[in-house]
PDB file of N, CA and C in Angstrom:
ATOM      1  N   MET A   1     116.427  62.464 120.450  1.00  0.00           N
ATOM      2  CA  MET A   1     117.177  61.597 121.783  1.00  0.00           C
ATOM      3  C   MET A   1     118.005  60.504 121.466  1.00  0.00           C
ATOM      4  N   GLN A   2     118.939  60.416 121.845  1.00  0.00           N
ATOM      5  CA  GLN A   2     119.868  59.194 122.283  1.00  0.00           C
ATOM      6  C   GLN A   2     119.359  57.438 122.648  1.00  0.00           C
ATOM      7  N   LEU A   3     118.392  58.242 123.460  1.00  0.00           N
ATOM      8  CA  LEU A   3     118.254  56.767 124.095  1.00  0.00           C
ATOM      9  C   LEU A   3     117.349  56.302 123.242  1.00  0.00           C
ATOM     10  N   LEU A   4     116.393  57.008 122.874  1.00  0.00           N
ATOM     11  CA  LEU A   4     115.550  56.504 121.471  1.00  0.00           C
ATOM     12  C   LEU A   4     115.202  55.912 119.982  1.00  0.00           C
ATOM     13  N   GLN A   5     116.599  56.180 119.798  1.00  0.00           N
ATOM     14  CA  GLN A   5     117.091  56.370 118.726  1.00  0.00           C
ATOM     15  C   GLN A   5     116.443  55.072 118.423  1.00  0.00           C
ATOM     16  N   THR A   6     118.002  53.745 118.683  1.00  0.00           N
ATOM     17  CA  THR A   6     117.492  52.016 118.069  1.00  0.00           C
ATOM     18  C   THR A   6     116.248  52.044 117.861  1.00  0.00           C
ATOM     19  N   HIS A   7     115.125  52.280 119.283  1.00  0.00           N
ATOM     20  CA  HIS A   7     113.882  52.067 119.263  1.00  0.00           C
ATOM     21  C   HIS A   7     113.105  52.297 118.179  1.00  0.00           C
ATOM     22  N   ARG A   8     113.274  53.666 117.874  1.00  0.00           N
ATOM     23  CA  ARG A   8     113.302  54.197 116.939  1.00  0.00           C
ATOM     24  C   ARG A   8     113.157  54.080 115.279  1.00  0.00           C
ATOM     25  N   ARG A   9     113.945  53.661 115.340  1.00  0.00           N
ATOM     26  CA  ARG A   9     114.645  52.683 113.719  1.00  0.00           C
ATOM     27  C   ARG A   9     114.047  51.953 113.932  1.00  0.00           C
ATOM     28  N   ARG A  10     113.798  50.306 115.000  1.00  0.00           N
ATOM     29  CA  ARG A  10     112.580  49.274 115.287  1.00  0.00           C
ATOM     30  C   ARG A  10     111.389  49.934 114.772  1.00  0.00           C
ATOM     31  N   ILE A  11     110.971  50.949 115.255  1.00  0.00           N
ATOM     32  CA  ILE A  11     109.867  51.149 114.505  1.00  0.00           C
ATOM     33  C   ILE A  11     109.915  51.549 113.495  1.00  0.00           C
ATOM     34  N   ASP A  12     110.402  51.937 112.811  1.00  0.00           N
ATOM     35  CA  ASP A  12     110.611  52.979 111.202  1.00  0.00           C
ATOM     36  C   ASP A  12     110.838  51.736 110.487  1.00  0.00           C
ATOM     37  N   GLU A  13     111.485  51.382 110.738  1.00  0.00           N
ATOM     38  CA  GLU A  13     111.328  49.408 109.935  1.00  0.00           C
ATOM     39  C   GLU A  13     110.298  48.552 109.837  1.00  0.00           C
ATOM     40  N   LEU A  14     109.927  48.714 111.372  1.00  0.00           N
ATOM     41  CA  LEU A  14     108.114  48.237 111.154  1.00  0.00           C
ATOM     42  C   LEU A  14     107.090  48.939 110.276  1.00  0.00           C
ATOM     43  N   ASP A  15     106.950  50.136 110.326  1.00  0.00           N
ATOM     44  CA  ASP A  15     106.512  51.464 109.367  1.00  0.00           C
ATOM     45  C   ASP A  15     106.616  50.575 108.217  1.00  0.00           C
ATOM     46  N   ASP A  16     107.948  50.879 107.438  1.00  0.00           N
ATOM     47  CA  ASP A  16     108.110  50.642 106.069  1.00  0.00           C
ATOM     48  C   ASP A  16     107.399  48.669 106.006  1.00  0.00           C
ATOM     49  N   LYS A  17     107.491  48.516 106.514  1.00  0.00           N
ATOM     50  CA  LYS A  17     107.043  46.885 106.193  1.00  0.00           C
ATOM     51  C   LYS A  17     105.594  46.410 106.510  1.00  0.00           C
ATOM     52  N   ILE A  18     104.661  47.333 107.309  1.00  0.00           N
ATOM     53  CA  ILE A  18     103.438  47.586 106.839  1.00  0.00           C
ATOM     54  C   ILE A  18     102.594  48.518 105.857  1.00  0.00           C
ATOM     55  N   VAL A  19     103.849  49.550 105.521  1.00  0.00           N
ATOM     56  CA  VAL A  19     103.236  49.592 104.340  1.00  0.00           C
ATOM     57  C   VAL A  19     103.127  49.080 103.026  1.00  0.00           C
ATOM     58  N   ARG A  20     104.443  48.472 103.102  1.00  0.00           N
ATOM     59  CA  ARG A  20     104.756  47.151 101.958  1.00  0.00           C
ATOM     60  C   ARG A  20     103.932  46.555 101.811  1.00  0.00           C
ATOM     61  N   LEU A  21     103.209  45.547 102.901  1.00  0.00           N
ATOM     62  CA  LEU A  21     102.562  45.051 103.748  1.00  0.00           C
ATOM     63  C   LEU A  21     100.334  45.198 103.000  1.00  0.00           C
ATOM     64  N   LEU A  22     100.153  46.429 103.426  1.00  0.00           N
ATOM     65  CA  LEU A  22      99.097  47.225 102.801  1.00  0.00           C
ATOM     66  C   LEU A  22      99.082  47.567 101.545  1.00  0.00           C
ATOM     67  N   VAL A  23      99.637  47.841 100.939  1.00  0.00           N
ATOM     68  CA  VAL A  23      99.702  48.014  99.665  1.00  0.00           C
ATOM     69  C   VAL A  23      99.705  46.602  98.689  1.00  0.00           C
ATOM     70  N   GLU A  24     100.744  45.898  99.063  1.00  0.00           N
ATOM     71  CA  GLU A  24      99.850  44.447  99.121  1.00  0.00           C
ATOM     72  C   GLU A  24      98.666  44.138  99.325  1.00  0.00           C
ATOM     73  N   ARG A  25      97.964  44.229 100.211  1.00  0.00           N
ATOM     74  CA  ARG A  25      96.693  44.245 100.781  1.00  0.00           C
ATOM     75  C   ARG A  25      95.541  44.693  99.648  1.00  0.00           C
ATOM     76  N   TYR A  26      95.944  46.307  99.719  1.00  0.00           N
ATOM     77  CA  TYR A  26      95.088  46.519  98.286  1.00  0.00           C
ATOM     78  C   TYR A  26      95.073  46.664  96.815  1.00  0.00           C
ATOM     79  N   GLY A  27      95.733  45.806  96.465  1.00  0.00           N
ATOM     80  CA  GLY A  27      96.638  45.389  95.366  1.00  0.00           C
ATOM     81  C   GLY A  27      95.765  44.610  95.187  1.00  0.00           C
ATOM     82  N   ILE A  28      95.652  43.172  95.788  1.00  0.00           N
ATOM     83  CA  ILE A  28      94.887  42.059  96.100  1.00  0.00           C
ATOM     84  C   ILE A  28      93.311  42.360  95.948  1.00  0.00           C
ATOM     85  N   ILE A  29      92.762  43.023  96.963  1.00  0.00           N
ATOM     86  CA  ILE A  29      91.616  43.914  96.304  1.00  0.00           C
ATOM     87  C   ILE A  29      91.306  44.881  95.260  1.00  0.00           C
ATOM     88  N   GLU A  30      92.052  45.193  95.168  1.00  0.00           N
ATOM     89  CA  GLU A  30      91.657  45.736  93.762  1.00  0.00           C
ATOM     90  C   GLU A  30      91.376  44.254  92.236  1.00  0.00           C
ATOM     91  N   GLU A  31      92.328  43.706  92.845  1.00  0.00           N
ATOM     92  CA  GLU A  31      91.706  42.098  92.225  1.00  0.00           C
ATOM     93  C   GLU A  31      90.415  40.944  92.646  1.00  0.00           C
ATOM     94  N   VAL A  32      89.939  42.049  93.510  1.00  0.00           N
ATOM     95  CA  VAL A  32      88.550  41.555  94.402  1.00  0.00           C
ATOM     96  C   VAL A  32      88.166  41.940  93.777  1.00  0.00           C
ATOM     97  N   ALA A  33      88.134  43.224  93.256  1.00  0.00           N
ATOM     98  CA  ALA A  33      87.069  44.373  92.688  1.00  0.00           C
ATOM     99  C   ALA A  33      86.689  44.057  91.670  1.00  0.00           C
ATOM    100  N   VAL A  34      87.564  43.457  90.965  1.00  0.00           N
ATOM    101  CA  VAL A  34      87.147  42.880  89.000  1.00  0.00           C
ATOM    102  C   VAL A  34      86.416  41.925  89.154  1.00  0.00           C
ATOM    103  N   LEU A  35      86.618  41.253  90.135  1.00  0.00           N
ATOM    104  CA  LEU A  35      85.740  39.366  90.426  1.00  0.00           C
ATOM    105  C   LEU A  35      84.995  39.797  90.822  1.00  0.00           C
ATOM    106  N   LYS A  36      84.430  40.733  91.681  1.00  0.00           N
ATOM    107  CA  LYS A  36      82.966  41.142  92.255  1.00  0.00           C
ATOM    108  C   LYS A  36      82.205  41.320  90.970  1.00  0.00           C
ATOM    109  N   ALA A  37      82.746  42.695  90.340  1.00  0.00           N
ATOM    110  CA  ALA A  37      82.365  43.164  89.269  1.00  0.00           C
ATOM    111  C   ALA A  37      81.614  42.082  87.814  1.00  0.00           C
ATOM    112  N   GLU A  38      82.518  41.168  87.662  1.00  0.00           N
ATOM    113  CA  GLU A  38      82.321  40.746  87.049  1.00  0.00           C
ATOM    114  C   GLU A  38      81.228  39.208  86.922  1.00  0.00           C
ATOM    115  N   HIS A  39      81.280  39.225  88.067  1.00  0.00           N
ATOM    116  CA  HIS A  39      80.419  38.242  88.840  1.00  0.00           C
ATOM    117  C   HIS A  39      79.443  38.654  89.626  1.00  0.00           C
ATOM    118  N   GLY A  40      78.546  40.289  89.403  1.00  0.00           N
ATOM    119  CA  GLY A  40      77.658  40.737  90.033  1.00  0.00           C
ATOM    120  C   GLY A  40      78.097  40.352  91.855  1.00  0.00           C
ATOM    121  N   ILE A  41      78.851  40.999  92.364  1.00  0.00           N
ATOM    122  CA  ILE A  41      78.886  40.649  93.688  1.00  0.00           C
ATOM    123  C   ILE A  41      79.212  41.633  94.350  1.00  0.00           C
ATOM    124  N   PRO A  42      77.970  41.987  95.018  1.00  0.00           N
ATOM    125  CA  PRO A  42      78.303  42.986  95.780  1.00  0.00           C
ATOM    126  C   PRO A  42      79.336  43.492  96.807  1.00  0.00           C
ATOM    127  N   SER A  43      80.022  44.783  96.785  1.00  0.00           N
ATOM    128  CA  SER A  43      81.729  45.245  97.134  1.00  0.00           C
ATOM    129  C   SER A  43      81.340  44.838  98.438  1.00  0.00           C
ATOM    130  N   VAL A  44      80.762  45.074  99.363  1.00  0.00           N
ATOM    131  CA  VAL A  44      80.820  44.722 100.348  1.00  0.00           C
ATOM    132  C   VAL A  44      79.907  44.086 101.034  1.00  0.00           C
ATOM    133  N   LEU A  45      80.692  42.684 101.727  1.00  0.00           N
ATOM    134  CA  LEU A  45      79.796  41.356 102.314  1.00  0.00           C
ATOM    135  C   LEU A  45      79.972  41.407 103.262  1.00  0.00           C
ATOM    136  N   PRO A  46      78.437  41.776 104.242  1.00  0.00           N
ATOM    137  CA  PRO A  46      78.776  41.541 105.652  1.00  0.00           C
ATOM    138  C   PRO A  46      79.559  40.675 106.738  1.00  0.00           C
ATOM    139  N   ASP A  47      79.228  39.734 106.725  1.00  0.00           N
ATOM    140  CA  ASP A  47      79.636  38.444 106.869  1.00  0.00           C
ATOM    141  C   ASP A  47      80.803  38.226 107.054  1.00  0.00           C
ATOM    142  N   ARG A  48      81.654  38.758 105.423  1.00  0.00           N
ATOM    143  CA  ARG A  48      82.799  38.659 105.672  1.00  0.00           C
ATOM    144  C   ARG A  48      83.617  39.314 106.539  1.00  0.00           C
ATOM    145  N   VAL A  49      83.135  41.163 106.561  1.00  0.00           N
ATOM    146  CA  VAL A  49      83.573  41.878 107.016  1.00  0.00           C
ATOM    147  C   VAL A  49      83.792  41.264 108.646  1.00  0.00           C
ATOM    148  N   THR A  50      82.956  40.875 109.230  1.00  0.00           N
ATOM    149  CA  THR A  50      82.767  40.622 110.153  1.00  0.00           C
ATOM    150  C   THR A  50      83.744  39.886 110.908  1.00  0.00           C
ATOM    151  N   GLU A  51      83.574  38.590 109.553  1.00  0.00           N
ATOM    152  CA  GLU A  51      84.650  37.488 110.092  1.00  0.00           C
ATOM    153  C   GLU A  51      85.956  38.164 109.368  1.00  0.00           C
ATOM    154  N   VAL A  52      86.316  39.179 109.021  1.00  0.00           N
ATOM    155  CA  VAL A  52      87.940  39.382 109.067  1.00  0.00           C
ATOM    156  C   VAL A  52      87.989  40.473 110.141  1.00  0.00           C
ATOM    157  N   ILE A  53      87.149  40.866 111.112  1.00  0.00           N
ATOM    158  CA  ILE A  53      87.869  41.770 111.594  1.00  0.00           C
ATOM    159  C   ILE A  53      88.097  41.004 113.000  1.00  0.00           C
ATOM    160  N   GLU A  54      86.877  40.111 113.367  1.00  0.00           N
ATOM    161  CA  GLU A  54      86.772  39.092 114.650  1.00  0.00           C
ATOM    162  C   GLU A  54      87.890  38.435 114.333  1.00  0.00           C
ATOM    163  N   ARG A  55      88.323  37.302 113.234  1.00  0.00           N
ATOM    164  CA  ARG A  55      89.559  36.681 113.449  1.00  0.00           C
ATOM    165  C   ARG A  55      90.833  37.444 113.988  1.00  0.00           C
ATOM    166  N   ASN A  56      90.671  38.215 113.382  1.00  0.00           N
ATOM    167  CA  ASN A  56      92.287  39.419 113.709  1.00  0.00           C
ATOM    168  C   ASN A  56      92.107  40.045 114.840  1.00  0.00           C
ATOM    169  N   ALA A  57      90.869  40.208 115.553  1.00  0.00           N
ATOM    170  CA  ALA A  57      90.865  40.181 117.127  1.00  0.00           C
ATOM    171  C   ALA A  57      91.186  39.529 118.040  1.00  0.00           C
ATOM    172  N   ARG A  58      91.128  38.472 117.496  1.00  0.00           N
ATOM    173  CA  ARG A  58      91.350  37.163 118.486  1.00  0.00           C
ATOM    174  C   ARG A  58      92.713  36.817 117.851  1.00  0.00           C
ATOM    175  N   SER A  59      93.525  37.089 117.095  1.00  0.00           N
ATOM    176  CA  SER A  59      94.699  36.311 116.463  1.00  0.00           C
ATOM    177  C   SER A  59      95.101  38.248 117.814  1.00  0.00           C
ATOM    178  N   ALA A  60      95.006  39.092 117.693  1.00  0.00           N
ATOM    179  CA  ALA A  60      95.528  39.698 118.556  1.00  0.00           C
ATOM    180  C   ALA A  60      95.767  39.278 120.236  1.00  0.00           C
ATOM    181  N   ALA A  61      94.257  38.887 120.257  1.00  0.00           N
ATOM    182  CA  ALA A  61      93.887  38.900 121.657  1.00  0.00           C
ATOM    183  C   ALA A  61      94.833  37.296 122.198  1.00  0.00           C
ATOM    184  N   ALA A  62      95.133  36.611 121.340  1.00  0.00           N
ATOM    185  CA  ALA A  62      95.455  35.326 121.640  1.00  0.00           C
ATOM    186  C   ALA A  62      97.583  35.708 121.660  1.00  0.00           C
ATOM    187  N   LEU A  63      97.707  36.922 121.493  1.00  0.00           N
ATOM    188  CA  LEU A  63      99.536  37.395 121.509  1.00  0.00           C
ATOM    189  C   LEU A  63      99.505  38.332 122.447  1.00  0.00           C
ATOM    190  N   GLY A  64      98.290  38.493 123.267  1.00  0.00           N
ATOM    191  CA  GLY A  64      98.819  39.397 124.042  1.00  0.00           C
ATOM    192  C   GLY A  64      97.770  41.084 123.780  1.00  0.00           C
ATOM    193  N   GLN A  65      97.839  41.461 123.304  1.00  0.00           N
ATOM    194  CA  GLN A  65      97.586  42.995 122.293  1.00  0.00           C
ATOM    195  C   GLN A  65      96.117  42.582 122.084  1.00  0.00           C
ATOM    196  N   ASP A  66      95.742  44.345 122.445  1.00  0.00           N
ATOM    197  CA  ASP A  66      93.984  44.433 123.101  1.00  0.00           C
ATOM    198  C   ASP A  66      93.152  44.043 121.300  1.00  0.00           C
ATOM    199  N   PRO A  67      92.087  43.693 121.808  1.00  0.00           N
ATOM    200  CA  PRO A  67      91.106  42.806 120.641  1.00  0.00           C
ATOM    201  C   PRO A  67      90.776  44.054 120.285  1.00  0.00           C
ATOM    202  N   ASP A  68      90.253  45.230 121.087  1.00  0.00           N
ATOM    203  CA  ASP A  68      89.331  46.478 120.118  1.00  0.00           C
ATOM    204  C   ASP A  68      90.036  46.922 120.152  1.00  0.00           C
ATOM    205  N   LEU A  69      91.877  47.685 120.232  1.00  0.00           N
ATOM    206  CA  LEU A  69      92.322  48.627 119.483  1.00  0.00           C
ATOM    207  C   LEU A  69      92.624  47.522 117.384  1.00  0.00           C
ATOM    208  N   ILE A  70      92.469  46.453 117.591  1.00  0.00           N
ATOM    209  CA  ILE A  70      92.874  45.583 116.129  1.00  0.00           C
ATOM    210  C   ILE A  70      91.319  45.361 115.587  1.00  0.00           C
ATOM    211  N   ARG A  71      90.301  45.746 116.333  1.00  0.00           N
ATOM    212  CA  ARG A  71      88.946  45.697 115.381  1.00  0.00           C
ATOM    213  C   ARG A  71      88.904  47.763 114.980  1.00  0.00           C
ATOM    214  N   ARG A  72      89.227  48.481 116.246  1.00  0.00           N
ATOM    215  CA  ARG A  72      89.105  49.322 115.691  1.00  0.00           C
ATOM    216  C   ARG A  72      90.000  49.701 114.053  1.00  0.00           C
ATOM    217  N   ILE A  73      91.254  49.463 113.835  1.00  0.00           N
ATOM    218  CA  ILE A  73      92.328  49.536 113.342  1.00  0.00           C
ATOM    219  C   ILE A  73      91.614  47.900 111.590  1.00  0.00           C
ATOM    220  N   TYR A  74      91.021  47.321 111.854  1.00  0.00           N
ATOM    221  CA  TYR A  74      90.654  46.215 110.487  1.00  0.00           C
ATOM    222  C   TYR A  74      89.446  47.482 110.317  1.00  0.00           C
ATOM    223  N   THR A  75      88.974  47.702 111.377  1.00  0.00           N
ATOM    224  CA  THR A  75      87.017  48.475 110.515  1.00  0.00           C
ATOM    225  C   THR A  75      87.960  49.551 109.841  1.00  0.00           C
ATOM    226  N   LEU A  76      88.957  50.384 110.474  1.00  0.00           N
ATOM    227  CA  LEU A  76      88.640  51.084 109.508  1.00  0.00           C
ATOM    228  C   LEU A  76      90.075  50.889 108.070  1.00  0.00           C
ATOM    229  N   MET A  77      90.956  49.912 108.128  1.00  0.00           N
ATOM    230  CA  MET A  77      90.730  48.997 106.634  1.00  0.00           C
ATOM    231  C   MET A  77      89.772  48.647 105.763  1.00  0.00           C
ATOM    232  N   VAL A  78      88.687  47.561 106.836  1.00  0.00           N
ATOM    233  CA  VAL A  78      87.598  47.049 105.748  1.00  0.00           C
ATOM    234  C   VAL A  78      87.132  48.237 104.808  1.00  0.00           C
ATOM    235  N   ASP A  79      86.226  49.341 105.992  1.00  0.00           N
ATOM    236  CA  ASP A  79      85.891  50.386 105.202  1.00  0.00           C
ATOM    237  C   ASP A  79      86.511  51.102 103.850  1.00  0.00           C
ATOM    238  N   GLU A  80      87.696  51.438 104.291  1.00  0.00           N
ATOM    239  CA  GLU A  80      89.032  52.070 102.951  1.00  0.00           C
ATOM    240  C   GLU A  80      88.439  50.804 101.846  1.00  0.00           C
ATOM    241  N   ALA A  81      88.401  49.213 101.916  1.00  0.00           N
ATOM    242  CA  ALA A  81      88.673  48.449 101.013  1.00  0.00           C
ATOM    243  C   ALA A  81      87.871  48.437 100.678  1.00  0.00           C
ATOM    244  N   CYS A  82      86.367  48.655 101.079  1.00  0.00           N
ATOM    245  CA  CYS A  82      84.959  48.641 100.323  1.00  0.00           C
ATOM    246  C   CYS A  82      84.747  49.652  99.470  1.00  0.00           C
ATOM    247  N   ALA A  83      85.531  51.163 100.243  1.00  0.00           N
ATOM    248  CA  ALA A  83      85.403  52.169  99.477  1.00  0.00           C
ATOM    249  C   ALA A  83      86.167  51.977  97.860  1.00  0.00           C
ATOM    250  N   LEU A  84      87.479  51.780  98.670  1.00  0.00           N
ATOM    251  CA  LEU A  84      88.082  51.430  96.953  1.00  0.00           C
ATOM    252  C   LEU A  84      87.564  50.209  95.597  1.00  0.00           C
ATOM    253  N   GLU A  85      86.367  48.934  96.642  1.00  0.00           N
ATOM    254  CA  GLU A  85      85.728  48.029  95.202  1.00  0.00           C
ATOM    255  C   GLU A  85      84.658  48.934  94.787  1.00  0.00           C
ATOM    256  N   ASP A  86      83.378  49.005  95.767  1.00  0.00           N
ATOM    257  CA  ASP A  86      82.676  50.251  95.566  1.00  0.00           C
ATOM    258  C   ASP A  86      83.243  51.982  94.236  1.00  0.00           C
ATOM    259  N   ARG A  87      84.186  52.492  94.103  1.00  0.00           N
ATOM    260  CA  ARG A  87      84.680  52.940  93.392  1.00  0.00           C
ATOM    261  C   ARG A  87      85.354  52.592  91.889  1.00  0.00           C
ATOM    262  N   LEU A  88      85.934  51.012  92.125  1.00  0.00           N
ATOM    263  CA  LEU A  88      86.560  50.669  90.787  1.00  0.00           C
ATOM    264  C   LEU A  88      85.809  49.840  90.195  1.00  0.00           C
ATOM    265  N   MET A  89      84.599  49.248  91.190  1.00  0.00           N
ATOM    266  CA  MET A  89      83.410  48.907  90.478  1.00  0.00           C
ATOM    267  C   MET A  89      82.499  49.742  89.407  1.00  0.00           C
ATOM    268  N   GLU A  90      82.676  50.691  89.969  1.00  0.00           N
ATOM    269  CA  GLU A  90      81.777  51.939  89.137  1.00  0.00           C
ATOM    270  C   GLU A  90      82.144  52.757  88.202  1.00  0.00           C
ATOM    271  N   GLN A  91      83.898  52.492  87.622  1.00  0.00           N
ATOM    272  CA  GLN A  91      84.278  52.156  86.383  1.00  0.00           C
ATOM    273  C   GLN A  91      83.750  51.530  85.546  1.00  0.00           C
ATOM    274  N   PRO A  92      83.387  52.110  84.259  1.00  0.00           N
ATOM    275  CA  PRO A  92      83.430  51.741  83.261  1.00  0.00           C
ATOM    276  C   PRO A  92      84.456  50.705  83.192  1.00  0.00           C
ATOM    277  N   ALA A  93      84.477  49.250  82.465  1.00  0.00           N
ATOM    278  CA  ALA A  93      85.446  48.763  82.133  1.00  0.00           C
ATOM    279  C   ALA A  93      86.457  49.580  81.082  1.00  0.00           C
ATOM    280  N   GLU A  94      86.472  49.907  80.664  1.00  0.00           N
ATOM    281  CA  GLU A  94      87.719  50.351  80.020  1.00  0.00           C
ATOM    282  C   GLU A  94      88.776  51.352  80.119  1.00  0.00           C
ATOM    283  N   ASN A  95      87.818  51.768  81.787  1.00  0.00           N
ATOM    284  CA  ASN A  95      89.029  52.604  82.133  1.00  0.00           C
ATOM    285  C   ASN A  95      89.619  51.495  83.827  1.00  0.00           C
ATOM    286  N   LYS A  96      89.236  50.292  83.249  1.00  0.00           N
ATOM    287  CA  LYS A  96      90.056  49.131  84.954  1.00  0.00           C
ATOM    288  C   LYS A  96      90.458  49.260  84.377  1.00  0.00           C
ATOM    289  N   SER A  97      91.530  49.269  83.356  1.00  0.00           N
ATOM    290  CA  SER A  97      92.953  48.395  83.314  1.00  0.00           C
ATOM    291  C   SER A  97      93.819  49.831  82.935  1.00  0.00           C
ATOM    292  N   ALA A  98      93.600  50.670  82.781  1.00  0.00           N
ATOM    293  CA  ALA A  98      94.009  51.599  83.129  1.00  0.00           C
ATOM    294  C   ALA A  98      94.554  52.414  84.752  1.00  0.00           C
TER     295      ALA A  98
END
């Protein structure tokens, strides 16, 4: 539909930015997994999980977005981050740099 083309293009541009930011975020999570493994820190820190989810829910609410939607999105993102950390922390040391 021609009527929606401009809006769809704007959404696509935002989606591209979101994907790049997620790739950057998970790259940092990989670095965190290495540090956690080196220092014997568990991959899941429940207080931090709650902090991340609730901080972003509050930010969303302040911007007029549904905080429950953001909680659901961040719960999925954090669950995936913890699973990634678990996988990375379980790898033998010689495979971590590969």
